[in-house]
Amino acid sequence: MKENLTEKIIKWIGIILFVIFTLGPIIWCFVITITPEYEMLKNTPNFLPKDVFWGNYKEIFDVNSKSHEVLFGGLMNSVKMAALSIIIGIPTALLAGYAFFRYKFWGKNFIIKFLMITIVIPVFTTIIPIYSTFARFGFLDKIFYVSIIYVSSFIPITTWIMMNYFKSIPKELLEAAEVEGLNERQIFFKVILPISYPIILTCVLMVFIMSWNQFQIPLILLSSPNKKVVTLILSEFMTRDDISYGMIAVSGLISLILPAIVAVIFRNKLISGLTQGSVKG
């Protein structure tokens, strides 16, 4: 059906508004990074600075500067947290999703519904008992144990997605494997696993992005400056007497690069995997 002029106008207005609200803050953040501090605080209608200032970028990429150490230390900690969450969480969700799909056992439906309920529980309702437990057993300020909390937060949704993906696999395929004499372990590794890479990749990307964006959990459970993740290091550029808006903006932009690259490269796999794994079983 051919679009009329009104529909085209509405469509392009929607696209323009979407681009403004999506890219607008990022563009504004970049403008702040190249604006001198003295000009930034002036009451002026100019959006772009009169004098372009690249000092913030020079400082952040100077390997001998404190700013470089703080920012890239936070980036490395975020990468470690995301990697641990993926290494621990994805195999666990994969096996759990397969078990829910493949086997019938008492309480199965209750467990699945309980997992779904945990998705909507706010973090602040559980963070106090988590902090108490960590303090009691000496787990505070340890990246590995904090990543376990990440995993526990992500497992319900990734398990549900994988389970529904497995439900879309034709039953004839599994029946044929059984006729061929394959046992359960062989069916999983030789039949299920090779055709599950799209949903596995999707869940890996989801866990990576969700881990990268965490703020409340590391804020409370990680206290040492050298353990802070990238979402927390922005506070390092704020003191009682001064706020370095330019450095905060530069750090924010740099922290977006890695997840943005990952999302752009694997966006098709992410969309297709979510579509295949979100069918109601």
Protein backbone atom coordinates (compact mmCIF):
# COMPACT_ATOMS: atom_id res chain seq x y z
CA MET A 1 0.00 0.00 0.00
CA LYS A 2 1.45 3.32 -1.08
CA GLU A 3 1.94 5.96 1.58
CA ASN A 4 0.20 9.27 1.13
CA LEU A 5 1.82 12.63 1.88
CA THR A 6 0.37 12.88 5.42
CA GLU A 7 1.67 9.44 6.38
CA LYS A 8 5.13 10.28 5.04
CA ILE A 9 5.21 13.52 7.01
CA ILE A 10 4.15 11.77 10.22
CA LYS A 11 6.73 9.04 9.64
CA TRP A 12 9.59 11.48 9.14
CA ILE A 13 8.52 13.60 12.11
CA GLY A 14 8.62 10.45 14.23
CA ILE A 15 12.07 9.51 12.88
CA ILE A 16 13.45 13.01 13.49
CA LEU A 17 12.09 13.11 17.05
CA PHE A 18 13.55 9.67 17.74
CA VAL A 19 16.97 10.73 16.47
CA ILE A 20 16.87 13.96 18.51
CA PHE A 21 15.95 12.21 21.75
CA THR A 22 18.44 9.39 21.12
CA LEU A 23 21.49 11.23 19.78
CA GLY A 24 20.79 14.64 21.29
CA PRO A 25 22.26 13.89 24.74
CA ILE A 26 25.33 12.26 23.18
CA ILE A 27 25.94 15.27 20.91
CA TRP A 28 25.45 17.63 23.83
CA CYS A 29 27.89 15.57 25.88
CA PHE A 30 30.49 15.84 23.11
CA VAL A 31 30.02 19.61 22.94
CA ILE A 32 30.68 19.80 26.69
CA THR A 33 33.94 17.86 26.23
CA ILE A 34 35.32 20.48 23.84
CA THR A 35 34.02 23.53 25.73
CA PRO A 36 36.42 25.39 28.08
CA GLU A 37 35.30 25.53 31.70
CA TYR A 38 35.15 29.33 31.75
CA GLU A 39 32.85 29.37 28.71
CA MET A 40 30.69 26.48 29.88
CA LEU A 41 29.33 28.39 32.87
CA LYS A 42 28.52 31.56 30.93
CA ASN A 43 24.90 32.52 30.36
CA THR A 44 24.98 32.39 26.56
CA PRO A 45 22.57 31.14 23.88
CA ASN A 46 25.43 29.61 21.86
CA PHE A 47 25.31 25.82 21.61
CA LEU A 48 28.82 25.43 20.19
CA PRO A 49 31.84 26.92 21.98
CA LYS A 50 33.68 29.88 20.49
CA ASP A 51 37.03 28.31 21.38
CA VAL A 52 37.36 24.54 20.90
CA PHE A 53 39.23 22.94 23.80
CA TRP A 54 40.82 19.48 23.41
CA GLY A 55 42.56 19.45 26.78
CA ASN A 56 40.10 16.98 28.31
CA TYR A 57 40.91 14.36 25.67
CA LYS A 58 44.65 14.98 25.99
CA GLU A 59 44.46 14.46 29.74
CA ILE A 60 42.29 11.35 29.62
CA PHE A 61 44.58 9.66 27.06
CA ASP A 62 47.79 10.67 28.84
CA VAL A 63 49.00 7.37 30.33
CA ASN A 64 50.77 9.25 33.13
CA SER A 65 47.72 11.19 34.30
CA LYS A 66 45.49 10.29 37.23
CA SER A 67 42.39 10.70 35.06
CA HIS A 68 43.65 8.05 32.62
CA GLU A 69 44.35 5.65 35.47
CA VAL A 70 40.92 6.17 37.02
CA LEU A 71 38.90 5.86 33.81
CA PHE A 72 40.68 2.92 32.19
CA GLY A 73 40.90 1.14 35.54
CA GLY A 74 37.12 1.42 35.77
CA LEU A 75 36.75 0.16 32.20
CA MET A 76 38.88 -2.90 32.97
CA ASN A 77 36.87 -3.65 36.10
CA SER A 78 33.64 -3.43 34.09
CA VAL A 79 35.06 -5.80 31.49
CA LYS A 80 36.06 -8.25 34.24
CA MET A 81 32.60 -8.11 35.79
CA ALA A 82 30.91 -8.64 32.45
CA ALA A 83 33.24 -11.51 31.53
CA LEU A 84 32.67 -13.28 34.85
CA SER A 85 28.91 -12.82 34.53
CA ILE A 86 28.98 -14.34 31.04
CA ILE A 87 31.30 -17.24 31.93
CA ILE A 88 29.23 -18.22 34.97
CA GLY A 89 25.74 -17.17 33.92
CA ILE A 90 25.40 -18.35 30.33
CA PRO A 91 26.26 -22.06 30.89
CA THR A 92 24.00 -22.07 33.96
CA ALA A 93 21.09 -20.53 32.06
CA LEU A 94 21.71 -22.84 29.10
CA LEU A 95 21.53 -26.01 31.21
CA ALA A 96 18.58 -24.72 33.25
CA GLY A 97 16.64 -23.73 30.13
CA TYR A 98 17.29 -27.11 28.56
CA ALA A 99 16.20 -28.93 31.72
CA PHE A 100 12.92 -26.98 31.88
CA PHE A 101 12.32 -27.73 28.21
CA ARG A 102 13.30 -31.37 28.19
CA TYR A 103 12.14 -32.83 31.48
CA LYS A 104 8.90 -33.05 33.43
CA PHE A 105 9.23 -32.95 37.19
CA TRP A 106 7.21 -31.97 40.23
CA GLY A 107 7.05 -28.23 40.83
CA LYS A 108 8.35 -27.32 37.37
CA ASN A 109 5.65 -24.73 36.61
CA PHE A 110 5.96 -23.20 40.08
CA ILE A 111 9.74 -22.82 39.72
CA ILE A 112 9.38 -21.18 36.29
CA LYS A 113 6.75 -18.73 37.58
CA PHE A 114 8.88 -17.98 40.64
CA LEU A 115 11.85 -17.17 38.36
CA MET A 116 9.67 -14.81 36.37
CA ILE A 117 8.50 -13.03 39.53
CA THR A 118 12.11 -12.36 40.58
CA ILE A 119 12.66 -10.34 37.40
CA VAL A 120 10.37 -7.55 38.60
CA ILE A 121 11.76 -7.36 42.16
CA PRO A 122 13.58 -3.99 42.54
CA VAL A 123 17.25 -4.11 43.48
CA PHE A 124 16.85 -1.83 46.52
CA THR A 125 14.50 -4.35 48.18
CA THR A 126 17.24 -7.00 48.33
CA ILE A 127 20.44 -4.98 48.56
CA ILE A 128 20.35 -4.64 52.38
CA PRO A 129 20.26 -8.41 53.08
CA ILE A 130 22.83 -8.92 50.34
CA TYR A 131 25.12 -6.34 51.96
CA SER A 132 24.67 -7.97 55.37
CA THR A 133 25.55 -11.38 53.96
CA PHE A 134 28.59 -10.02 52.15
CA ALA A 135 29.80 -8.23 55.28
CA ARG A 136 29.34 -11.37 57.38
CA PHE A 137 31.31 -13.65 55.08
CA GLY A 138 33.94 -11.12 53.97
CA PHE A 139 32.75 -10.85 50.37
CA LEU A 140 32.63 -7.05 50.25
CA ASP A 141 34.88 -5.31 47.74
CA LYS A 142 35.55 -8.53 45.81
CA ILE A 143 34.75 -8.43 42.10
CA PHE A 144 34.13 -12.18 41.80
CA TYR A 145 31.42 -12.31 44.47
CA VAL A 146 29.74 -9.17 43.16
CA SER A 147 29.60 -10.79 39.72
CA ILE A 148 27.72 -13.69 41.36
CA ILE A 149 25.01 -11.19 42.32
CA TYR A 150 24.95 -10.04 38.70
CA VAL A 151 24.50 -13.64 37.58
CA SER A 152 21.65 -14.23 40.02
CA SER A 153 19.92 -11.14 38.64
CA PHE A 154 20.30 -12.14 34.98
CA ILE A 155 19.65 -15.90 35.16
CA PRO A 156 15.81 -15.72 35.29
CA ILE A 157 15.44 -13.77 32.03
CA THR A 158 18.19 -15.65 30.16
CA THR A 159 16.83 -19.02 31.32
CA TRP A 160 13.34 -18.09 30.17
CA ILE A 161 14.58 -16.93 26.76
CA MET A 162 16.63 -20.09 26.22
CA MET A 163 13.80 -22.35 27.35
CA ASN A 164 11.40 -20.79 24.86
CA TYR A 165 14.01 -21.04 22.12
CA PHE A 166 14.36 -24.77 22.78
CA LYS A 167 10.59 -25.11 22.54
CA SER A 168 10.78 -23.85 18.96
CA ILE A 169 13.04 -26.78 17.97
CA PRO A 170 11.03 -29.42 16.03
CA LYS A 171 10.25 -32.49 18.13
CA GLU A 172 11.02 -34.66 15.11
CA LEU A 173 14.67 -33.64 15.35
CA LEU A 174 14.96 -34.92 18.90
CA GLU A 175 12.98 -38.07 18.09
CA ALA A 176 15.31 -38.79 15.18
CA ALA A 177 18.31 -38.40 17.47
CA GLU A 178 16.81 -40.86 19.94
CA VAL A 179 16.10 -43.33 17.14
CA GLU A 180 19.77 -43.06 16.14
CA GLY A 181 20.65 -44.23 19.63
CA LEU A 182 22.03 -40.98 21.04
CA ASN A 183 21.90 -40.65 24.80
CA GLU A 184 20.86 -37.45 26.60
CA ARG A 185 24.37 -36.04 26.79
CA GLN A 186 24.98 -36.67 23.09
CA ILE A 187 21.63 -35.12 22.15
CA PHE A 188 22.53 -31.96 24.06
CA PHE A 189 26.07 -31.55 22.73
CA LYS A 190 25.59 -32.88 19.16
CA VAL A 191 22.04 -31.75 18.36
CA ILE A 192 20.88 -28.95 20.66
CA LEU A 193 24.09 -27.00 21.20
CA PRO A 194 25.11 -26.60 17.52
CA ILE A 195 21.74 -25.06 16.58
CA SER A 196 21.52 -22.86 19.69
CA TYR A 197 24.37 -20.44 18.97
CA PRO A 198 21.99 -17.58 17.94
CA ILE A 199 20.20 -17.59 21.29
CA ILE A 200 23.44 -18.14 23.20
CA LEU A 201 25.00 -15.14 21.46
CA THR A 202 21.88 -13.10 22.19
CA CYS A 203 22.05 -13.92 25.90
CA VAL A 204 25.79 -13.18 25.96
CA LEU A 205 25.11 -9.71 24.54
CA MET A 206 22.26 -9.13 26.98
CA VAL A 207 24.37 -10.13 29.98
CA PHE A 208 27.27 -7.99 28.77
CA ILE A 209 25.15 -4.87 28.33
CA MET A 210 23.24 -5.38 31.59
CA SER A 211 26.50 -5.96 33.48
CA TRP A 212 28.08 -2.89 31.93
CA ASN A 213 25.17 -0.69 33.01
CA GLN A 214 25.02 -1.78 36.65
CA PHE A 215 25.25 1.03 39.18
CA GLN A 216 23.47 0.33 42.47
CA ILE A 217 25.00 -3.08 43.18
CA PRO A 218 28.67 -2.09 42.66
CA LEU A 219 28.04 1.25 44.40
CA ILE A 220 27.16 -0.55 47.64
CA LEU A 221 29.29 -3.70 47.40
CA LEU A 222 32.53 -2.24 45.96
CA SER A 223 34.24 0.50 47.93
CA SER A 224 37.95 0.53 46.98
CA PRO A 225 38.92 3.07 44.31
CA ASN A 226 40.79 0.40 42.34
CA LYS A 227 37.68 -1.83 42.28
CA LYS A 228 35.22 0.73 40.97
CA VAL A 229 33.48 -0.03 37.68
CA VAL A 230 33.06 2.50 34.90
CA THR A 231 29.58 3.60 36.04
CA LEU A 232 31.08 4.74 39.36
CA ILE A 233 34.25 6.49 38.26
CA LEU A 234 32.42 9.67 37.22
CA SER A 235 32.29 10.61 40.89
CA GLU A 236 36.10 10.71 40.89
CA PHE A 237 35.91 13.93 38.90
CA MET A 238 33.70 15.63 41.49
CA THR A 239 35.04 17.13 44.69
CA ARG A 240 33.58 19.29 47.42
CA ASP A 241 34.92 22.43 45.79
CA ASP A 242 34.93 21.63 42.08
CA ILE A 243 33.15 19.60 39.41
CA SER A 244 35.04 18.84 36.22
CA TYR A 245 32.16 18.73 33.75
CA GLY A 246 34.45 18.25 30.78
CA MET A 247 36.18 15.19 32.26
CA ILE A 248 32.85 13.70 33.30
CA ALA A 249 31.54 14.14 29.76
CA VAL A 250 34.67 12.61 28.19
CA SER A 251 34.48 9.63 30.54
CA GLY A 252 30.82 9.14 29.74
CA LEU A 253 31.46 9.14 26.00
CA ILE A 254 34.38 6.72 26.26
CA SER A 255 32.35 4.37 28.45
CA LEU A 256 29.74 4.19 25.66
CA ILE A 257 32.17 3.08 22.96
CA LEU A 258 32.55 -0.61 23.81
CA PRO A 259 28.85 -1.45 24.34
CA ALA A 260 27.95 0.65 21.29
CA ILE A 261 30.41 -1.27 19.09
CA VAL A 262 29.13 -4.60 20.40
CA ALA A 263 25.49 -3.58 19.86
CA VAL A 264 26.12 -2.32 16.30
CA ILE A 265 28.11 -5.36 15.19
CA PHE A 266 25.73 -7.95 16.65
CA ARG A 267 22.43 -6.07 16.43
CA ASN A 268 20.92 -8.51 13.91
CA LYS A 269 21.76 -11.52 16.07
CA LEU A 270 20.38 -9.74 19.11
CA ILE A 271 17.05 -8.93 17.47
CA SER A 272 16.61 -12.36 15.84
CA GLY A 273 17.61 -14.17 19.02
CA LEU A 274 15.20 -12.18 21.16
CA THR A 275 12.42 -12.79 18.64
CA GLN A 276 13.01 -16.54 18.59
CA GLY A 277 13.47 -16.77 22.33
CA SER A 278 10.47 -14.73 23.45
CA VAL A 279 7.68 -16.94 22.11
CA LYS A 280 5.31 -17.80 24.91
CA GLY A 281 5.51 -21.48 25.71
